[in-house]
Amino acid sequence: MKAKTVNESISFERGSNPKRVLGIGGIIPSKYYEKIQNEARENWKKYLNDTFIGKNVTGIMSQWSTRGHTWENFTVKNIKSIHISNSEFALEDENGEMFSVLSDEKLFIE
């Protein structure tokens, strides 16, 4: 396909934007949204890792176990990894136990 040029016979209407008529320029907002979302996700992951890995955390959490999800006060020692799902996350301790965290509750880090 041959590229259009301004010299070609294109029907420019009076007052129309030549870039729009030629189909050049413009933005696709969803591409920016995806880029920003990916950057935010990476920043969130980095923040959580820097804040929690290797530390002890006390707060209202739910331990993943056969008892079901009950929200209690737990102290999770020596966090080795974080599992992230959007704004929610879970902490994994040195023994492989998983704890869901309420992101709107205070956590105390030692």
PDB file of N, CA and C in Angstrom:
ATOM      1  N   MET A   1       0.843  -1.174   0.000  1.00  0.00           N
ATOM      2  CA  MET A   1       0.000   0.000   0.000  1.00  0.00           C
ATOM      3  C   MET A   1       0.889   1.238   0.000  1.00  0.00           C
ATOM      4  N   LYS A   2       0.560   2.152  -0.845  1.00  0.00           N
ATOM      5  CA  LYS A   2       1.328   3.391  -0.965  1.00  0.00           C
ATOM      6  C   LYS A   2       0.896   4.378   0.120  1.00  0.00           C
ATOM      7  N   ALA A   3       1.867   5.040   0.726  1.00  0.00           N
ATOM      8  CA  ALA A   3       1.565   6.024   1.766  1.00  0.00           C
ATOM      9  C   ALA A   3       0.911   7.256   1.150  1.00  0.00           C
ATOM     10  N   LYS A   4      -0.003   7.850   1.875  1.00  0.00           N
ATOM     11  CA  LYS A   4      -0.652   9.086   1.421  1.00  0.00           C
ATOM     12  C   LYS A   4       0.261  10.271   1.685  1.00  0.00           C
ATOM     13  N   THR A   5       0.240  11.208   0.818  1.00  0.00           N
ATOM     14  CA  THR A   5       0.995  12.439   1.025  1.00  0.00           C
ATOM     15  C   THR A   5       0.051  13.618   0.870  1.00  0.00           C
ATOM     16  N   VAL A   6       0.482  14.742   1.332  1.00  0.00           N
ATOM     17  CA  VAL A   6      -0.348  15.939   1.249  1.00  0.00           C
ATOM     18  C   VAL A   6      -0.543  16.351  -0.214  1.00  0.00           C
ATOM     19  N   ASN A   7       0.422  15.984  -1.080  1.00  0.00           N
ATOM     20  CA  ASN A   7       0.345  16.350  -2.491  1.00  0.00           C
ATOM     21  C   ASN A   7      -0.711  15.544  -3.258  1.00  0.00           C
ATOM     22  N   GLU A   8      -1.138  14.394  -2.690  1.00  0.00           N
ATOM     23  CA  GLU A   8      -2.136  13.580  -3.375  1.00  0.00           C
ATOM     24  C   GLU A   8      -3.477  14.288  -3.391  1.00  0.00           C
ATOM     25  N   SER A   9      -4.301  13.824  -4.272  1.00  0.00           N
ATOM     26  CA  SER A   9      -5.644  14.403  -4.385  1.00  0.00           C
ATOM     27  C   SER A   9      -6.525  13.803  -3.293  1.00  0.00           C
ATOM     28  N   ILE A  10      -6.597  14.467  -2.174  1.00  0.00           N
ATOM     29  CA  ILE A  10      -7.424  14.035  -1.054  1.00  0.00           C
ATOM     30  C   ILE A  10      -8.453  15.125  -0.844  1.00  0.00           C
ATOM     31  N   SER A  11      -9.667  14.704  -0.581  1.00  0.00           N
ATOM     32  CA  SER A  11     -10.716  15.719  -0.443  1.00  0.00           C
ATOM     33  C   SER A  11     -10.654  16.340   0.946  1.00  0.00           C
ATOM     34  N   PHE A  12      -9.922  17.443   1.066  1.00  0.00           N
ATOM     35  CA  PHE A  12      -9.870  18.184   2.312  1.00  0.00           C
ATOM     36  C   PHE A  12     -11.072  19.128   2.333  1.00  0.00           C
ATOM     37  N   GLU A  13     -11.852  18.972   3.361  1.00  0.00           N
ATOM     38  CA  GLU A  13     -12.960  19.915   3.512  1.00  0.00           C
ATOM     39  C   GLU A  13     -12.434  21.117   4.274  1.00  0.00           C
ATOM     40  N   ARG A  14     -13.033  22.245   4.018  1.00  0.00           N
ATOM     41  CA  ARG A  14     -12.622  23.466   4.692  1.00  0.00           C
ATOM     42  C   ARG A  14     -12.801  23.273   6.206  1.00  0.00           C
ATOM     43  N   GLY A  15     -11.756  23.578   6.965  1.00  0.00           N
ATOM     44  CA  GLY A  15     -11.812  23.490   8.422  1.00  0.00           C
ATOM     45  C   GLY A  15     -11.502  22.099   8.966  1.00  0.00           C
ATOM     46  N   SER A  16     -11.269  21.106   8.110  1.00  0.00           N
ATOM     47  CA  SER A  16     -10.956  19.762   8.621  1.00  0.00           C
ATOM     48  C   SER A  16      -9.474  19.676   8.973  1.00  0.00           C
ATOM     49  N   ASN A  17      -9.166  18.819   9.886  1.00  0.00           N
ATOM     50  CA  ASN A  17      -7.803  18.637  10.359  1.00  0.00           C
ATOM     51  C   ASN A  17      -7.067  17.710   9.383  1.00  0.00           C
ATOM     52  N   PRO A  18      -5.990  18.184   8.745  1.00  0.00           N
ATOM     53  CA  PRO A  18      -5.278  17.353   7.772  1.00  0.00           C
ATOM     54  C   PRO A  18      -4.726  16.060   8.375  1.00  0.00           C
ATOM     55  N   LYS A  19      -4.268  16.102   9.627  1.00  0.00           N
ATOM     56  CA  LYS A  19      -3.748  14.875  10.266  1.00  0.00           C
ATOM     57  C   LYS A  19      -4.849  13.829  10.397  1.00  0.00           C
ATOM     58  N   ARG A  20      -6.049  14.276  10.758  1.00  0.00           N
ATOM     59  CA  ARG A  20      -7.160  13.337  10.894  1.00  0.00           C
ATOM     60  C   ARG A  20      -7.528  12.758   9.542  1.00  0.00           C
ATOM     61  N   VAL A  21      -7.583  13.609   8.518  1.00  0.00           N
ATOM     62  CA  VAL A  21      -7.935  13.158   7.170  1.00  0.00           C
ATOM     63  C   VAL A  21      -6.919  12.140   6.665  1.00  0.00           C
ATOM     64  N   LEU A  22      -5.621  12.374   6.941  1.00  0.00           N
ATOM     65  CA  LEU A  22      -4.567  11.453   6.509  1.00  0.00           C
ATOM     66  C   LEU A  22      -4.458  10.227   7.419  1.00  0.00           C
ATOM     67  N   GLY A  23      -5.089  10.285   8.571  1.00  0.00           N
ATOM     68  CA  GLY A  23      -5.031   9.153   9.505  1.00  0.00           C
ATOM     69  C   GLY A  23      -3.724   9.057  10.257  1.00  0.00           C
ATOM     70  N   ILE A  24      -3.034  10.182  10.413  1.00  0.00           N
ATOM     71  CA  ILE A  24      -1.768  10.160  11.153  1.00  0.00           C
ATOM     72  C   ILE A  24      -1.950  10.882  12.485  1.00  0.00           C
ATOM     73  N   GLY A  25      -1.049  10.598  13.410  1.00  0.00           N
ATOM     74  CA  GLY A  25      -1.149  11.209  14.734  1.00  0.00           C
ATOM     75  C   GLY A  25      -2.245  10.525  15.536  1.00  0.00           C
ATOM     76  N   GLY A  26      -2.726  11.147  16.537  1.00  0.00           N
ATOM     77  CA  GLY A  26      -3.777  10.587  17.381  1.00  0.00           C
ATOM     78  C   GLY A  26      -3.213   9.601  18.389  1.00  0.00           C
ATOM     79  N   ILE A  27      -4.033   9.224  19.323  1.00  0.00           N
ATOM     80  CA  ILE A  27      -3.609   8.285  20.368  1.00  0.00           C
ATOM     81  C   ILE A  27      -4.664   7.195  20.531  1.00  0.00           C
ATOM     82  N   ILE A  28      -4.215   6.080  21.095  1.00  0.00           N
ATOM     83  CA  ILE A  28      -5.118   5.008  21.490  1.00  0.00           C
ATOM     84  C   ILE A  28      -5.010   4.917  23.014  1.00  0.00           C
ATOM     85  N   PRO A  29      -5.983   5.487  23.761  1.00  0.00           N
ATOM     86  CA  PRO A  29      -5.878   5.576  25.220  1.00  0.00           C
ATOM     87  C   PRO A  29      -5.636   4.239  25.913  1.00  0.00           C
ATOM     88  N   SER A  30      -6.208   3.153  25.410  1.00  0.00           N
ATOM     89  CA  SER A  30      -6.052   1.867  26.100  1.00  0.00           C
ATOM     90  C   SER A  30      -4.596   1.419  26.141  1.00  0.00           C
ATOM     91  N   LYS A  31      -3.797   1.810  25.146  1.00  0.00           N
ATOM     92  CA  LYS A  31      -2.378   1.443  25.163  1.00  0.00           C
ATOM     93  C   LYS A  31      -1.657   2.137  26.314  1.00  0.00           C
ATOM     94  N   TYR A  32      -2.003   3.379  26.586  1.00  0.00           N
ATOM     95  CA  TYR A  32      -1.409   4.106  27.711  1.00  0.00           C
ATOM     96  C   TYR A  32      -1.889   3.530  29.039  1.00  0.00           C
ATOM     97  N   TYR A  33      -3.164   3.161  29.087  1.00  0.00           N
ATOM     98  CA  TYR A  33      -3.723   2.568  30.301  1.00  0.00           C
ATOM     99  C   TYR A  33      -2.972   1.288  30.654  1.00  0.00           C
ATOM    100  N   GLU A  34      -2.768   0.412  29.666  1.00  0.00           N
ATOM    101  CA  GLU A  34      -2.058  -0.845  29.912  1.00  0.00           C
ATOM    102  C   GLU A  34      -0.629  -0.592  30.384  1.00  0.00           C
ATOM    103  N   LYS A  35       0.039   0.373  29.759  1.00  0.00           N
ATOM    104  CA  LYS A  35       1.416   0.698  30.151  1.00  0.00           C
ATOM    105  C   LYS A  35       1.462   1.198  31.592  1.00  0.00           C
ATOM    106  N   ILE A  36       0.550   2.099  31.923  1.00  0.00           N
ATOM    107  CA  ILE A  36       0.524   2.657  33.280  1.00  0.00           C
ATOM    108  C   ILE A  36       0.159   1.579  34.299  1.00  0.00           C
ATOM    109  N   GLN A  37      -0.799   0.718  33.954  1.00  0.00           N
ATOM    110  CA  GLN A  37      -1.185  -0.378  34.855  1.00  0.00           C
ATOM    111  C   GLN A  37      -0.003  -1.306  35.116  1.00  0.00           C
ATOM    112  N   ASN A  38       0.746  -1.652  34.070  1.00  0.00           N
ATOM    113  CA  ASN A  38       1.908  -2.524  34.233  1.00  0.00           C
ATOM    114  C   ASN A  38       2.970  -1.880  35.101  1.00  0.00           C
ATOM    115  N   GLU A  39       3.216  -0.586  34.897  1.00  0.00           N
ATOM    116  CA  GLU A  39       4.185   0.128  35.730  1.00  0.00           C
ATOM    117  C   GLU A  39       3.733   0.175  37.182  1.00  0.00           C
ATOM    118  N   ALA A  40       2.443   0.421  37.404  1.00  0.00           N
ATOM    119  CA  ALA A  40       1.906   0.469  38.773  1.00  0.00           C
ATOM    120  C   ALA A  40       2.022  -0.900  39.438  1.00  0.00           C
ATOM    121  N   ARG A  41       1.733  -1.965  38.691  1.00  0.00           N
ATOM    122  CA  ARG A  41       1.837  -3.323  39.231  1.00  0.00           C
ATOM    123  C   ARG A  41       3.267  -3.628  39.653  1.00  0.00           C
ATOM    124  N   GLU A  42       4.236  -3.243  38.813  1.00  0.00           N
ATOM    125  CA  GLU A  42       5.650  -3.462  39.143  1.00  0.00           C
ATOM    126  C   GLU A  42       6.071  -2.638  40.355  1.00  0.00           C
ATOM    127  N   ASN A  43       5.616  -1.382  40.436  1.00  0.00           N
ATOM    128  CA  ASN A  43       5.936  -0.535  41.597  1.00  0.00           C
ATOM    129  C   ASN A  43       5.333  -1.104  42.878  1.00  0.00           C
ATOM    130  N   TRP A  44       4.094  -1.615  42.800  1.00  0.00           N
ATOM    131  CA  TRP A  44       3.416  -2.211  43.954  1.00  0.00           C
ATOM    132  C   TRP A  44       4.188  -3.446  44.424  1.00  0.00           C
ATOM    133  N   LYS A  45       4.607  -4.283  43.475  1.00  0.00           N
ATOM    134  CA  LYS A  45       5.365  -5.497  43.813  1.00  0.00           C
ATOM    135  C   LYS A  45       6.695  -5.132  44.472  1.00  0.00           C
ATOM    136  N   LYS A  46       7.398  -4.135  43.911  1.00  0.00           N
ATOM    137  CA  LYS A  46       8.677  -3.711  44.485  1.00  0.00           C
ATOM    138  C   LYS A  46       8.476  -3.154  45.893  1.00  0.00           C
ATOM    139  N   TYR A  47       7.434  -2.324  46.081  1.00  0.00           N
ATOM    140  CA  TYR A  47       7.157  -1.761  47.402  1.00  0.00           C
ATOM    141  C   TYR A  47       6.898  -2.873  48.417  1.00  0.00           C
ATOM    142  N   LEU A  48       6.063  -3.845  48.075  1.00  0.00           N
ATOM    143  CA  LEU A  48       5.743  -4.933  49.008  1.00  0.00           C
ATOM    144  C   LEU A  48       6.985  -5.752  49.336  1.00  0.00           C
ATOM    145  N   ASN A  49       7.791  -6.076  48.323  1.00  0.00           N
ATOM    146  CA  ASN A  49       9.011  -6.852  48.571  1.00  0.00           C
ATOM    147  C   ASN A  49       9.975  -6.077  49.470  1.00  0.00           C
ATOM    148  N   ASP A  50      10.194  -4.807  49.172  1.00  0.00           N
ATOM    149  CA  ASP A  50      11.110  -3.997  49.986  1.00  0.00           C
ATOM    150  C   ASP A  50      10.609  -3.842  51.416  1.00  0.00           C
ATOM    151  N   THR A  51       9.291  -3.790  51.589  1.00  0.00           N
ATOM    152  CA  THR A  51       8.706  -3.549  52.909  1.00  0.00           C
ATOM    153  C   THR A  51       8.663  -4.806  53.775  1.00  0.00           C
ATOM    154  N   PHE A  52       8.378  -5.969  53.192  1.00  0.00           N
ATOM    155  CA  PHE A  52       8.072  -7.153  53.993  1.00  0.00           C
ATOM    156  C   PHE A  52       9.097  -8.290  53.970  1.00  0.00           C
ATOM    157  N   ILE A  53       9.825  -8.497  52.887  1.00  0.00           N
ATOM    158  CA  ILE A  53      10.706  -9.660  52.781  1.00  0.00           C
ATOM    159  C   ILE A  53      11.757  -9.644  53.887  1.00  0.00           C
ATOM    160  N   GLY A  54      11.852 -10.786  54.603  1.00  0.00           N
ATOM    161  CA  GLY A  54      12.839 -10.952  55.668  1.00  0.00           C
ATOM    162  C   GLY A  54      12.452 -10.345  57.002  1.00  0.00           C
ATOM    163  N   LYS A  55      11.242  -9.808  57.103  1.00  0.00           N
ATOM    164  CA  LYS A  55      10.828  -9.136  58.338  1.00  0.00           C
ATOM    165  C   LYS A  55       9.701  -9.909  59.025  1.00  0.00           C
ATOM    166  N   ASN A  56       9.423  -9.530  60.273  1.00  0.00           N
ATOM    167  CA  ASN A  56       8.294 -10.079  61.027  1.00  0.00           C
ATOM    168  C   ASN A  56       7.153  -9.070  60.969  1.00  0.00           C
ATOM    169  N   VAL A  57       5.934  -9.567  60.728  1.00  0.00           N
ATOM    170  CA  VAL A  57       4.774  -8.692  60.581  1.00  0.00           C
ATOM    171  C   VAL A  57       3.661  -9.181  61.495  1.00  0.00           C
ATOM    172  N   THR A  58       3.063  -8.251  62.240  1.00  0.00           N
ATOM    173  CA  THR A  58       1.941  -8.568  63.115  1.00  0.00           C
ATOM    174  C   THR A  58       0.736  -7.757  62.675  1.00  0.00           C
ATOM    175  N   GLY A  59      -0.428  -8.409  62.637  1.00  0.00           N
ATOM    176  CA  GLY A  59      -1.659  -7.721  62.273  1.00  0.00           C
ATOM    177  C   GLY A  59      -2.800  -8.695  62.075  1.00  0.00           C
ATOM    178  N   ILE A  60      -3.955  -8.159  61.698  1.00  0.00           N
ATOM    179  CA  ILE A  60      -5.126  -8.984  61.429  1.00  0.00           C
ATOM    180  C   ILE A  60      -4.931  -9.658  60.067  1.00  0.00           C
ATOM    181  N   MET A  61      -4.873 -10.991  60.082  1.00  0.00           N
ATOM    182  CA  MET A  61      -4.661 -11.771  58.864  1.00  0.00           C
ATOM    183  C   MET A  61      -5.473 -13.048  58.935  1.00  0.00           C
ATOM    184  N   SER A  62      -5.550 -13.717  57.819  1.00  0.00           N
ATOM    185  CA  SER A  62      -6.224 -15.005  57.751  1.00  0.00           C
ATOM    186  C   SER A  62      -5.205 -16.040  57.306  1.00  0.00           C
ATOM    187  N   GLN A  63      -5.045 -17.077  58.129  1.00  0.00           N
ATOM    188  CA  GLN A  63      -4.089 -18.137  57.793  1.00  0.00           C
ATOM    189  C   GLN A  63      -4.745 -19.114  56.829  1.00  0.00           C
ATOM    190  N   TRP A  64      -4.030 -19.467  55.760  1.00  0.00           N
ATOM    191  CA  TRP A  64      -4.551 -20.443  54.810  1.00  0.00           C
ATOM    192  C   TRP A  64      -4.344 -21.817  55.419  1.00  0.00           C
ATOM    193  N   SER A  65      -5.430 -22.449  55.790  1.00  0.00           N
ATOM    194  CA  SER A  65      -5.317 -23.779  56.390  1.00  0.00           C
ATOM    195  C   SER A  65      -6.630 -24.516  56.207  1.00  0.00           C
ATOM    196  N   THR A  66      -6.692 -25.691  56.759  1.00  0.00           N
ATOM    197  CA  THR A  66      -7.919 -26.489  56.661  1.00  0.00           C
ATOM    198  C   THR A  66      -9.009 -25.928  57.567  1.00  0.00           C
ATOM    199  N   ARG A  67      -8.672 -25.000  58.465  1.00  0.00           N
ATOM    200  CA  ARG A  67      -9.675 -24.405  59.362  1.00  0.00           C
ATOM    201  C   ARG A  67     -10.578 -23.423  58.642  1.00  0.00           C
ATOM    202  N   GLY A  68     -10.253 -23.076  57.433  1.00  0.00           N
ATOM    203  CA  GLY A  68     -11.029 -22.055  56.731  1.00  0.00           C
ATOM    204  C   GLY A  68     -10.432 -20.687  56.986  1.00  0.00           C
ATOM    205  N   HIS A  69     -11.095 -19.670  56.471  1.00  0.00           N
ATOM    206  CA  HIS A  69     -10.589 -18.304  56.634  1.00  0.00           C
ATOM    207  C   HIS A  69     -11.233 -17.646  57.843  1.00  0.00           C
ATOM    208  N   THR A  70     -10.445 -17.482  58.887  1.00  0.00           N
ATOM    209  CA  THR A  70     -10.874 -16.695  60.037  1.00  0.00           C
ATOM    210  C   THR A  70      -9.853 -15.584  60.216  1.00  0.00           C
ATOM    211  N   TRP A  71     -10.336 -14.380  60.435  1.00  0.00           N
ATOM    212  CA  TRP A  71      -9.450 -13.233  60.580  1.00  0.00           C
ATOM    213  C   TRP A  71      -9.078 -13.067  62.041  1.00  0.00           C
ATOM    214  N   GLU A  72      -7.791 -13.220  62.327  1.00  0.00           N
ATOM    215  CA  GLU A  72      -7.279 -13.139  63.694  1.00  0.00           C
ATOM    216  C   GLU A  72      -5.989 -12.328  63.693  1.00  0.00           C
ATOM    217  N   ASN A  73      -5.485 -12.060  64.891  1.00  0.00           N
ATOM    218  CA  ASN A  73      -4.216 -11.368  65.033  1.00  0.00           C
ATOM    219  C   ASN A  73      -3.094 -12.409  64.952  1.00  0.00           C
ATOM    220  N   PHE A  74      -2.242 -12.291  63.945  1.00  0.00           N
ATOM    221  CA  PHE A  74      -1.121 -13.215  63.755  1.00  0.00           C
ATOM    222  C   PHE A  74       0.179 -12.435  63.702  1.00  0.00           C
ATOM    223  N   THR A  75       1.266 -13.120  64.047  1.00  0.00           N
ATOM    224  CA  THR A  75       2.608 -12.611  63.790  1.00  0.00           C
ATOM    225  C   THR A  75       3.256 -13.578  62.811  1.00  0.00           C
ATOM    226  N   VAL A  76       3.593 -13.062  61.654  1.00  0.00           N
ATOM    227  CA  VAL A  76       4.229 -13.870  60.617  1.00  0.00           C
ATOM    228  C   VAL A  76       5.717 -13.571  60.673  1.00  0.00           C
ATOM    229  N   LYS A  77       6.521 -14.623  60.907  1.00  0.00           N
ATOM    230  CA  LYS A  77       7.958 -14.430  61.104  1.00  0.00           C
ATOM    231  C   LYS A  77       8.746 -14.717  59.833  1.00  0.00           C
ATOM    232  N   ASN A  78       9.738 -13.897  59.601  1.00  0.00           N
ATOM    233  CA  ASN A  78      10.688 -14.046  58.504  1.00  0.00           C
ATOM    234  C   ASN A  78       9.986 -14.335  57.173  1.00  0.00           C
ATOM    235  N   ILE A  79       9.336 -13.345  56.646  1.00  0.00           N
ATOM    236  CA  ILE A  79       8.578 -13.490  55.403  1.00  0.00           C
ATOM    237  C   ILE A  79       9.541 -13.788  54.262  1.00  0.00           C
ATOM    238  N   LYS A  80       9.230 -14.880  53.531  1.00  0.00           N
ATOM    239  CA  LYS A  80      10.126 -15.249  52.433  1.00  0.00           C
ATOM    240  C   LYS A  80       9.573 -14.876  51.066  1.00  0.00           C
ATOM    241  N   SER A  81       8.238 -14.744  50.916  1.00  0.00           N
ATOM    242  CA  SER A  81       7.701 -14.302  49.623  1.00  0.00           C
ATOM    243  C   SER A  81       6.320 -13.682  49.801  1.00  0.00           C
ATOM    244  N   ILE A  82       5.915 -12.974  48.753  1.00  0.00           N
ATOM    245  CA  ILE A  82       4.620 -12.291  48.742  1.00  0.00           C
ATOM    246  C   ILE A  82       3.885 -12.704  47.476  1.00  0.00           C
ATOM    247  N   HIS A  83       2.629 -13.057  47.620  1.00  0.00           N
ATOM    248  CA  HIS A  83       1.781 -13.431  46.493  1.00  0.00           C
ATOM    249  C   HIS A  83       0.763 -12.313  46.300  1.00  0.00           C
ATOM    250  N   ILE A  84       0.755 -11.723  45.101  1.00  0.00           N
ATOM    251  CA  ILE A  84      -0.035 -10.522  44.840  1.00  0.00           C
ATOM    252  C   ILE A  84      -1.180 -10.814  43.874  1.00  0.00           C
ATOM    253  N   SER A  85      -2.355 -10.273  44.220  1.00  0.00           N
ATOM    254  CA  SER A  85      -3.508 -10.315  43.331  1.00  0.00           C
ATOM    255  C   SER A  85      -4.157  -8.932  43.401  1.00  0.00           C
ATOM    256  N   ASN A  86      -3.870  -8.096  42.381  1.00  0.00           N
ATOM    257  CA  ASN A  86      -4.350  -6.708  42.367  1.00  0.00           C
ATOM    258  C   ASN A  86      -3.872  -5.981  43.613  1.00  0.00           C
ATOM    259  N   SER A  87      -4.781  -5.397  44.413  1.00  0.00           N
ATOM    260  CA  SER A  87      -4.341  -4.679  45.604  1.00  0.00           C
ATOM    261  C   SER A  87      -4.247  -5.608  46.815  1.00  0.00           C
ATOM    262  N   GLU A  88      -4.770  -6.825  46.702  1.00  0.00           N
ATOM    263  CA  GLU A  88      -4.708  -7.796  47.798  1.00  0.00           C
ATOM    264  C   GLU A  88      -3.398  -8.585  47.697  1.00  0.00           C
ATOM    265  N   PHE A  89      -2.925  -9.062  48.846  1.00  0.00           N
ATOM    266  CA  PHE A  89      -1.716  -9.870  48.814  1.00  0.00           C
ATOM    267  C   PHE A  89      -1.689 -10.832  49.995  1.00  0.00           C
ATOM    268  N   ALA A  90      -0.818 -11.827  49.886  1.00  0.00           N
ATOM    269  CA  ALA A  90      -0.641 -12.820  50.940  1.00  0.00           C
ATOM    270  C   ALA A  90       0.844 -12.930  51.240  1.00  0.00           C
ATOM    271  N   LEU A  91       1.146 -13.190  52.502  1.00  0.00           N
ATOM    272  CA  LEU A  91       2.526 -13.340  52.945  1.00  0.00           C
ATOM    273  C   LEU A  91       2.815 -14.818  53.180  1.00  0.00           C
ATOM    274  N   GLU A  92       4.005 -15.240  52.786  1.00  0.00           N
ATOM    275  CA  GLU A  92       4.432 -16.615  53.040  1.00  0.00           C
ATOM    276  C   GLU A  92       5.593 -16.566  54.011  1.00  0.00           C
ATOM    277  N   ASP A  93       5.475 -17.327  55.125  1.00  0.00           N
ATOM    278  CA  ASP A  93       6.537 -17.304  56.131  1.00  0.00           C
ATOM    279  C   ASP A  93       7.612 -18.339  55.806  1.00  0.00           C
ATOM    280  N   GLU A  94       8.605 -18.429  56.693  1.00  0.00           N
ATOM    281  CA  GLU A  94       9.745 -19.325  56.475  1.00  0.00           C
ATOM    282  C   GLU A  94       9.348 -20.799  56.431  1.00  0.00           C
ATOM    283  N   ASN A  95       8.187 -21.148  56.993  1.00  0.00           N
ATOM    284  CA  ASN A  95       7.726 -22.539  56.999  1.00  0.00           C
ATOM    285  C   ASN A  95       6.766 -22.851  55.852  1.00  0.00           C
ATOM    286  N   GLY A  96       6.546 -21.899  54.976  1.00  0.00           N
ATOM    287  CA  GLY A  96       5.643 -22.107  53.853  1.00  0.00           C
ATOM    288  C   GLY A  96       4.177 -21.846  54.166  1.00  0.00           C
ATOM    289  N   GLU A  97       3.871 -21.348  55.376  1.00  0.00           N
ATOM    290  CA  GLU A  97       2.495 -21.015  55.743  1.00  0.00           C
ATOM    291  C   GLU A  97       2.094 -19.711  55.063  1.00  0.00           C
ATOM    292  N   MET A  98       0.858 -19.672  54.570  1.00  0.00           N
ATOM    293  CA  MET A  98       0.367 -18.495  53.856  1.00  0.00           C
ATOM    294  C   MET A  98      -0.642 -17.742  54.720  1.00  0.00           C
ATOM    295  N   PHE A  99      -0.578 -16.405  54.644  1.00  0.00           N
ATOM    296  CA  PHE A  99      -1.472 -15.538  55.399  1.00  0.00           C
ATOM    297  C   PHE A  99      -2.011 -14.446  54.476  1.00  0.00           C
ATOM    298  N   SER A 100      -3.337 -14.375  54.347  1.00  0.00           N
ATOM    299  CA  SER A 100      -3.961 -13.285  53.591  1.00  0.00           C
ATOM    300  C   SER A 100      -3.953 -12.036  54.451  1.00  0.00           C
ATOM    301  N   VAL A 101      -3.733 -10.905  53.804  1.00  0.00           N
ATOM    302  CA  VAL A 101      -3.645  -9.630  54.512  1.00  0.00           C
ATOM    303  C   VAL A 101      -4.796  -8.736  54.084  1.00  0.00           C
ATOM    304  N   LEU A 102      -5.407  -8.071  55.058  1.00  0.00           N
ATOM    305  CA  LEU A 102      -6.399  -7.040  54.747  1.00  0.00           C
ATOM    306  C   LEU A 102      -5.624  -5.755  54.479  1.00  0.00           C
ATOM    307  N   SER A 103      -5.656  -5.275  53.244  1.00  0.00           N
ATOM    308  CA  SER A 103      -4.821  -4.127  52.908  1.00  0.00           C
ATOM    309  C   SER A 103      -5.274  -2.826  53.533  1.00  0.00           C
ATOM    310  N   ASP A 104      -6.457  -2.802  54.148  1.00  0.00           N
ATOM    311  CA  ASP A 104      -6.893  -1.561  54.805  1.00  0.00           C
ATOM    312  C   ASP A 104      -6.762  -1.643  56.328  1.00  0.00           C
ATOM    313  N   GLU A 105      -6.046  -2.679  56.824  1.00  0.00           N
ATOM    314  CA  GLU A 105      -5.779  -2.815  58.269  1.00  0.00           C
ATOM    315  C   GLU A 105      -4.319  -2.476  58.521  1.00  0.00           C
ATOM    316  N   LYS A 106      -4.024  -1.973  59.733  1.00  0.00           N
ATOM    317  CA  LYS A 106      -2.647  -1.650  60.111  1.00  0.00           C
ATOM    318  C   LYS A 106      -1.854  -2.928  60.313  1.00  0.00           C
ATOM    319  N   LEU A 107      -0.628  -2.901  59.819  1.00  0.00           N
ATOM    320  CA  LEU A 107       0.332  -3.979  60.052  1.00  0.00           C
ATOM    321  C   LEU A 107       1.540  -3.394  60.775  1.00  0.00           C
ATOM    322  N   PHE A 108       2.091  -4.159  61.697  1.00  0.00           N
ATOM    323  CA  PHE A 108       3.251  -3.700  62.448  1.00  0.00           C
ATOM    324  C   PHE A 108       4.458  -4.540  62.029  1.00  0.00           C
ATOM    325  N   ILE A 109       5.498  -3.862  61.562  1.00  0.00           N
ATOM    326  CA  ILE A 109       6.658  -4.520  60.992  1.00  0.00           C
ATOM    327  C   ILE A 109       7.831  -4.391  61.948  1.00  0.00           C
ATOM    328  N   GLU A 110       8.476  -5.515  62.191  1.00  0.00           N
ATOM    329  CA  GLU A 110       9.667  -5.550  63.074  1.00  0.00           C
ATOM    330  C   GLU A 110      10.874  -5.968  62.267  1.00  0.00           C
TER     331      GLU A 110
END
